[in-house]
Amino acid sequence: MTITPPLLPQAEETPRSLWRRILLLIVGALVLFFGTYLLAWLSAYNLTRTFWEHAQASYAEGRYMDALTGYRAFDPAQRRYVTYGGFMHVENIWADPAAFPIPSEAVQAKQRIREILQKYLTIEDAEQYIAENVGRTSNPYLGIIYLRLGELYEAADRLQDALAIYESVDEFFPEDAELIAQAQAHMARLANTSN
């Protein structure tokens, strides 16, 4: 004959213990969310530091387009091609509006990009960049460099080439109202100087 222990009555969950459980679940979800975000942020920051160092080295050597866009090169030690980042890579890592906090390298990368485009971009660099990036829809600098090519043509007294660039901005970049307005201002200025 087997003896079974008497069943103990189940204690009903009180509203207080139910709220405690719900609170514990919420806190656990928040810790999981912030922990995951922190790991992703640290990964992005480490990649930013690597790309920043690559871009700074290229900039210091006077290789401004490599500093701007980055490049790929074969590494014999690793026996594979390796990507060396540029300032555009650094900016792109932090382009999402939800990325926070944004490290100082990303802010400095924007400044370096503007500096390179205004001071160091050559006609040849701009033409090559445009040729390599035509058709890429996710390139935020293609329109800016395209317009800058017109300005460089104008500075080199290649006014017909500059005018052709300015006239085609609205065709190639119809969603960029600011870029179109700048191109139209350049065309108006050229029209006034030729009269």
C-alpha atoms as a PDB file:
ATOM      1  CA  MET A   1       0.000   0.000   0.000  1.00  0.00           C
ATOM      2  CA  THR A   2       1.327   3.401  -1.000  1.00  0.00           C
ATOM      3  CA  ILE A   3       0.652   6.516   0.865  1.00  0.00           C
ATOM      4  CA  THR A   4       0.236   9.671  -1.088  1.00  0.00           C
ATOM      5  CA  PRO A   5       0.978  12.940   0.583  1.00  0.00           C
ATOM      6  CA  PRO A   6      -1.978  15.177   1.044  1.00  0.00           C
ATOM      7  CA  LEU A   7      -2.368  17.862  -1.573  1.00  0.00           C
ATOM      8  CA  LEU A   8      -1.535  21.271  -0.305  1.00  0.00           C
ATOM      9  CA  PRO A   9      -3.961  23.961  -1.202  1.00  0.00           C
ATOM     10  CA  GLN A  10      -2.621  26.279  -3.937  1.00  0.00           C
ATOM     11  CA  ALA A  11      -2.180  29.814  -2.755  1.00  0.00           C
ATOM     12  CA  GLU A  12      -3.935  32.275  -4.997  1.00  0.00           C
ATOM     13  CA  GLU A  13      -1.723  34.912  -6.553  1.00  0.00           C
ATOM     14  CA  THR A  14      -2.379  38.249  -4.930  1.00  0.00           C
ATOM     15  CA  PRO A  15      -2.622  41.402  -6.996  1.00  0.00           C
ATOM     16  CA  ARG A  16       0.595  42.593  -5.384  1.00  0.00           C
ATOM     17  CA  SER A  17       2.584  39.524  -6.458  1.00  0.00           C
ATOM     18  CA  LEU A  18       1.079  39.755  -9.947  1.00  0.00           C
ATOM     19  CA  TRP A  19       2.263  43.358 -10.283  1.00  0.00           C
ATOM     20  CA  ARG A  20       5.660  42.353  -8.963  1.00  0.00           C
ATOM     21  CA  ARG A  21       5.906  39.700 -11.706  1.00  0.00           C
ATOM     22  CA  ILE A  22       4.820  42.136 -14.403  1.00  0.00           C
ATOM     23  CA  LEU A  23       7.343  44.701 -13.174  1.00  0.00           C
ATOM     24  CA  LEU A  24      10.076  42.070 -13.163  1.00  0.00           C
ATOM     25  CA  LEU A  25       9.221  41.143 -16.772  1.00  0.00           C
ATOM     26  CA  ILE A  26       9.304  44.800 -17.837  1.00  0.00           C
ATOM     27  CA  VAL A  27      12.637  45.415 -16.104  1.00  0.00           C
ATOM     28  CA  GLY A  28      14.041  42.239 -17.682  1.00  0.00           C
ATOM     29  CA  ALA A  29      12.898  43.345 -21.157  1.00  0.00           C
ATOM     30  CA  LEU A  30      14.435  46.806 -20.649  1.00  0.00           C
ATOM     31  CA  VAL A  31      17.744  45.339 -19.469  1.00  0.00           C
ATOM     32  CA  LEU A  32      17.775  43.018 -22.477  1.00  0.00           C
ATOM     33  CA  PHE A  33      16.969  45.897 -24.864  1.00  0.00           C
ATOM     34  CA  PHE A  34      19.570  48.292 -23.452  1.00  0.00           C
ATOM     35  CA  GLY A  35      22.172  45.547 -23.164  1.00  0.00           C
ATOM     36  CA  THR A  36      21.667  44.631 -26.827  1.00  0.00           C
ATOM     37  CA  TYR A  37      21.771  48.298 -27.837  1.00  0.00           C
ATOM     38  CA  LEU A  38      24.972  48.821 -25.861  1.00  0.00           C
ATOM     39  CA  LEU A  39      26.647  45.864 -27.564  1.00  0.00           C
ATOM     40  CA  ALA A  40      25.564  47.118 -31.002  1.00  0.00           C
ATOM     41  CA  TRP A  41      26.754  50.648 -30.158  1.00  0.00           C
ATOM     42  CA  LEU A  42      30.157  49.360 -29.006  1.00  0.00           C
ATOM     43  CA  SER A  43      30.510  47.322 -32.190  1.00  0.00           C
ATOM     44  CA  ALA A  44      29.643  50.378 -34.309  1.00  0.00           C
ATOM     45  CA  TYR A  45      32.045  52.520 -32.310  1.00  0.00           C
ATOM     46  CA  ASN A  46      34.914  50.040 -32.748  1.00  0.00           C
ATOM     47  CA  LEU A  47      34.297  49.988 -36.504  1.00  0.00           C
ATOM     48  CA  THR A  48      34.152  53.799 -36.449  1.00  0.00           C
ATOM     49  CA  ARG A  49      37.539  53.995 -34.711  1.00  0.00           C
ATOM     50  CA  THR A  50      39.091  51.623 -37.264  1.00  0.00           C
ATOM     51  CA  PHE A  51      37.664  53.489 -40.266  1.00  0.00           C
ATOM     52  CA  TRP A  52      38.570  56.847 -38.692  1.00  0.00           C
ATOM     53  CA  GLU A  53      42.196  55.772 -38.300  1.00  0.00           C
ATOM     54  CA  HIS A  54      42.294  54.543 -41.921  1.00  0.00           C
ATOM     55  CA  ALA A  55      40.794  57.814 -43.190  1.00  0.00           C
ATOM     56  CA  GLN A  56      43.120  59.959 -41.091  1.00  0.00           C
ATOM     57  CA  ALA A  57      46.166  58.055 -42.399  1.00  0.00           C
ATOM     58  CA  SER A  58      45.038  58.573 -46.011  1.00  0.00           C
ATOM     59  CA  TYR A  59      44.335  62.247 -45.312  1.00  0.00           C
ATOM     60  CA  ALA A  60      47.777  62.768 -43.741  1.00  0.00           C
ATOM     61  CA  GLU A  61      49.386  61.199 -46.831  1.00  0.00           C
ATOM     62  CA  GLY A  62      47.480  63.566 -49.132  1.00  0.00           C
ATOM     63  CA  ARG A  63      45.334  60.783 -50.618  1.00  0.00           C
ATOM     64  CA  TYR A  64      42.138  62.771 -50.231  1.00  0.00           C
ATOM     65  CA  MET A  65      39.781  60.594 -52.264  1.00  0.00           C
ATOM     66  CA  ASP A  66      40.906  57.503 -50.326  1.00  0.00           C
ATOM     67  CA  ALA A  67      40.350  59.483 -47.131  1.00  0.00           C
ATOM     68  CA  LEU A  68      36.911  60.494 -48.362  1.00  0.00           C
ATOM     69  CA  THR A  69      35.584  57.214 -49.755  1.00  0.00           C
ATOM     70  CA  GLY A  70      37.896  54.540 -48.409  1.00  0.00           C
ATOM     71  CA  TYR A  71      39.394  51.861 -50.627  1.00  0.00           C
ATOM     72  CA  ARG A  72      40.049  48.141 -50.956  1.00  0.00           C
ATOM     73  CA  ALA A  73      43.539  46.700 -51.204  1.00  0.00           C
ATOM     74  CA  PHE A  74      45.010  43.234 -51.259  1.00  0.00           C
ATOM     75  CA  ASP A  75      46.679  42.284 -47.986  1.00  0.00           C
ATOM     76  CA  PRO A  76      49.323  39.618 -48.665  1.00  0.00           C
ATOM     77  CA  ALA A  77      49.519  38.660 -44.985  1.00  0.00           C
ATOM     78  CA  GLN A  78      45.798  37.851 -44.902  1.00  0.00           C
ATOM     79  CA  ARG A  79      45.748  36.727 -48.549  1.00  0.00           C
ATOM     80  CA  ARG A  80      42.549  38.627 -49.235  1.00  0.00           C
ATOM     81  CA  TYR A  81      41.235  42.077 -50.082  1.00  0.00           C
ATOM     82  CA  VAL A  82      40.676  44.328 -47.097  1.00  0.00           C
ATOM     83  CA  THR A  83      38.447  47.404 -46.859  1.00  0.00           C
ATOM     84  CA  TYR A  84      40.140  50.523 -45.533  1.00  0.00           C
ATOM     85  CA  GLY A  85      37.493  52.971 -44.398  1.00  0.00           C
ATOM     86  CA  GLY A  86      37.003  56.581 -45.314  1.00  0.00           C
ATOM     87  CA  PHE A  87      35.224  59.507 -43.702  1.00  0.00           C
ATOM     88  CA  MET A  88      32.063  58.618 -45.655  1.00  0.00           C
ATOM     89  CA  HIS A  89      32.073  55.179 -43.999  1.00  0.00           C
ATOM     90  CA  VAL A  90      32.325  56.788 -40.580  1.00  0.00           C
ATOM     91  CA  GLU A  91      29.426  59.115 -41.305  1.00  0.00           C
ATOM     92  CA  ASN A  92      27.339  56.300 -42.770  1.00  0.00           C
ATOM     93  CA  ILE A  93      27.684  54.178 -39.613  1.00  0.00           C
ATOM     94  CA  TRP A  94      25.910  56.906 -37.625  1.00  0.00           C
ATOM     95  CA  ALA A  95      23.439  58.059 -40.309  1.00  0.00           C
ATOM     96  CA  ASP A  96      20.438  56.415 -38.657  1.00  0.00           C
ATOM     97  CA  PRO A  97      18.450  58.983 -36.641  1.00  0.00           C
ATOM     98  CA  ALA A  98      18.108  56.435 -33.807  1.00  0.00           C
ATOM     99  CA  ALA A  99      21.890  56.178 -33.384  1.00  0.00           C
ATOM    100  CA  PHE A 100      22.759  57.732 -30.046  1.00  0.00           C
ATOM    101  CA  PRO A 101      25.079  58.927 -28.672  1.00  0.00           C
ATOM    102  CA  ILE A 102      27.029  59.932 -31.759  1.00  0.00           C
ATOM    103  CA  PRO A 103      30.789  59.850 -31.132  1.00  0.00           C
ATOM    104  CA  SER A 104      33.012  62.824 -31.875  1.00  0.00           C
ATOM    105  CA  GLU A 105      34.673  60.951 -34.761  1.00  0.00           C
ATOM    106  CA  ALA A 106      31.381  60.992 -36.678  1.00  0.00           C
ATOM    107  CA  VAL A 107      31.025  64.749 -36.206  1.00  0.00           C
ATOM    108  CA  GLN A 108      34.654  65.300 -37.233  1.00  0.00           C
ATOM    109  CA  ALA A 109      34.158  63.031 -40.263  1.00  0.00           C
ATOM    110  CA  LYS A 110      31.407  65.350 -41.544  1.00  0.00           C
ATOM    111  CA  GLN A 111      33.764  68.303 -41.196  1.00  0.00           C
ATOM    112  CA  ARG A 112      36.537  66.443 -43.041  1.00  0.00           C
ATOM    113  CA  ILE A 113      34.124  65.493 -45.841  1.00  0.00           C
ATOM    114  CA  ARG A 114      33.135  69.128 -46.360  1.00  0.00           C
ATOM    115  CA  GLU A 115      36.792  70.197 -46.244  1.00  0.00           C
ATOM    116  CA  ILE A 116      37.874  67.631 -48.838  1.00  0.00           C
ATOM    117  CA  LEU A 117      34.982  68.482 -51.157  1.00  0.00           C
ATOM    118  CA  GLN A 118      35.671  72.216 -50.975  1.00  0.00           C
ATOM    119  CA  LYS A 119      39.487  72.295 -50.871  1.00  0.00           C
ATOM    120  CA  TYR A 120      40.954  69.115 -52.282  1.00  0.00           C
ATOM    121  CA  LEU A 121      38.513  67.657 -54.809  1.00  0.00           C
ATOM    122  CA  THR A 122      39.919  67.845 -58.341  1.00  0.00           C
ATOM    123  CA  ILE A 123      38.101  67.610 -61.648  1.00  0.00           C
ATOM    124  CA  GLU A 124      39.639  64.185 -62.257  1.00  0.00           C
ATOM    125  CA  ASP A 125      38.615  62.956 -58.791  1.00  0.00           C
ATOM    126  CA  ALA A 126      35.056  64.204 -59.232  1.00  0.00           C
ATOM    127  CA  GLU A 127      34.735  62.710 -62.737  1.00  0.00           C
ATOM    128  CA  GLN A 128      36.039  59.348 -61.536  1.00  0.00           C
ATOM    129  CA  TYR A 129      33.769  59.350 -58.468  1.00  0.00           C
ATOM    130  CA  ILE A 130      30.719  60.119 -60.600  1.00  0.00           C
ATOM    131  CA  ALA A 131      31.622  57.439 -63.157  1.00  0.00           C
ATOM    132  CA  GLU A 132      32.042  54.836 -60.403  1.00  0.00           C
ATOM    133  CA  ASN A 133      28.824  55.753 -58.603  1.00  0.00           C
ATOM    134  CA  VAL A 134      26.292  56.444 -61.360  1.00  0.00           C
ATOM    135  CA  GLY A 135      23.199  54.379 -60.725  1.00  0.00           C
ATOM    136  CA  ARG A 136      23.797  53.872 -57.028  1.00  0.00           C
ATOM    137  CA  THR A 137      20.679  55.126 -55.340  1.00  0.00           C
ATOM    138  CA  SER A 138      21.979  55.109 -51.784  1.00  0.00           C
ATOM    139  CA  ASN A 139      24.857  57.533 -52.279  1.00  0.00           C
ATOM    140  CA  PRO A 140      24.117  60.808 -50.473  1.00  0.00           C
ATOM    141  CA  TYR A 141      27.203  62.548 -51.900  1.00  0.00           C
ATOM    142  CA  LEU A 142      26.737  61.816 -55.587  1.00  0.00           C
ATOM    143  CA  GLY A 143      24.633  64.935 -56.191  1.00  0.00           C
ATOM    144  CA  ILE A 144      26.910  67.133 -54.110  1.00  0.00           C
ATOM    145  CA  ILE A 145      30.003  65.956 -55.980  1.00  0.00           C
ATOM    146  CA  TYR A 146      28.172  66.284 -59.306  1.00  0.00           C
ATOM    147  CA  LEU A 147      27.367  69.935 -58.568  1.00  0.00           C
ATOM    148  CA  ARG A 148      30.891  70.470 -57.248  1.00  0.00           C
ATOM    149  CA  LEU A 149      32.227  69.170 -60.583  1.00  0.00           C
ATOM    150  CA  GLY A 150      30.317  71.985 -62.284  1.00  0.00           C
ATOM    151  CA  GLU A 151      31.913  74.489 -59.921  1.00  0.00           C
ATOM    152  CA  LEU A 152      35.352  73.028 -60.631  1.00  0.00           C
ATOM    153  CA  TYR A 153      34.725  73.266 -64.387  1.00  0.00           C
ATOM    154  CA  GLU A 154      33.668  76.869 -63.896  1.00  0.00           C
ATOM    155  CA  ALA A 155      36.829  77.652 -61.906  1.00  0.00           C
ATOM    156  CA  ALA A 156      38.898  76.092 -64.714  1.00  0.00           C
ATOM    157  CA  ASP A 157      37.096  78.369 -67.224  1.00  0.00           C
ATOM    158  CA  ARG A 158      35.329  75.395 -68.802  1.00  0.00           C
ATOM    159  CA  LEU A 159      32.032  77.265 -68.786  1.00  0.00           C
ATOM    160  CA  GLN A 160      30.199  75.056 -71.305  1.00  0.00           C
ATOM    161  CA  ASP A 161      30.999  71.955 -69.250  1.00  0.00           C
ATOM    162  CA  ALA A 162      29.903  73.747 -66.084  1.00  0.00           C
ATOM    163  CA  LEU A 163      26.651  74.852 -67.693  1.00  0.00           C
ATOM    164  CA  ALA A 164      25.954  71.298 -68.907  1.00  0.00           C
ATOM    165  CA  ILE A 165      26.356  70.033 -65.334  1.00  0.00           C
ATOM    166  CA  TYR A 166      24.117  72.745 -63.859  1.00  0.00           C
ATOM    167  CA  GLU A 167      21.405  72.183 -66.485  1.00  0.00           C
ATOM    168  CA  SER A 168      21.276  68.436 -65.845  1.00  0.00           C
ATOM    169  CA  VAL A 169      21.072  68.536 -62.035  1.00  0.00           C
ATOM    170  CA  ASP A 170      17.261  68.622 -61.990  1.00  0.00           C
ATOM    171  CA  GLU A 171      17.123  65.669 -64.403  1.00  0.00           C
ATOM    172  CA  PHE A 172      19.517  63.473 -62.431  1.00  0.00           C
ATOM    173  CA  PHE A 173      18.524  64.545 -58.917  1.00  0.00           C
ATOM    174  CA  PRO A 174      14.829  65.520 -59.145  1.00  0.00           C
ATOM    175  CA  GLU A 175      14.146  64.929 -55.418  1.00  0.00           C
ATOM    176  CA  ASP A 176      16.932  67.211 -54.201  1.00  0.00           C
ATOM    177  CA  ALA A 177      15.340  70.669 -54.188  1.00  0.00           C
ATOM    178  CA  GLU A 178      18.323  72.303 -52.479  1.00  0.00           C
ATOM    179  CA  LEU A 179      20.764  70.941 -55.057  1.00  0.00           C
ATOM    180  CA  ILE A 180      18.496  72.083 -57.902  1.00  0.00           C
ATOM    181  CA  ALA A 181      18.237  75.568 -56.374  1.00  0.00           C
ATOM    182  CA  GLN A 182      22.033  75.802 -56.131  1.00  0.00           C
ATOM    183  CA  ALA A 183      22.432  74.695 -59.759  1.00  0.00           C
ATOM    184  CA  GLN A 184      19.855  77.254 -60.894  1.00  0.00           C
ATOM    185  CA  ALA A 185      21.662  79.984 -58.952  1.00  0.00           C
ATOM    186  CA  HIS A 186      24.909  79.026 -60.701  1.00  0.00           C
ATOM    187  CA  MET A 187      23.162  79.117 -64.103  1.00  0.00           C
ATOM    188  CA  ALA A 188      21.659  82.538 -63.362  1.00  0.00           C
ATOM    189  CA  ARG A 189      25.048  83.879 -62.299  1.00  0.00           C
ATOM    190  CA  LEU A 190      26.685  82.537 -65.454  1.00  0.00           C
ATOM    191  CA  ALA A 191      23.922  84.074 -67.578  1.00  0.00           C
ATOM    192  CA  ASN A 192      24.457  87.463 -65.893  1.00  0.00           C
ATOM    193  CA  THR A 193      28.242  87.364 -66.352  1.00  0.00           C
ATOM    194  CA  SER A 194      27.973  86.476 -70.066  1.00  0.00           C
ATOM    195  CA  ASN A 195      25.641  89.429 -70.783  1.00  0.00           C
END
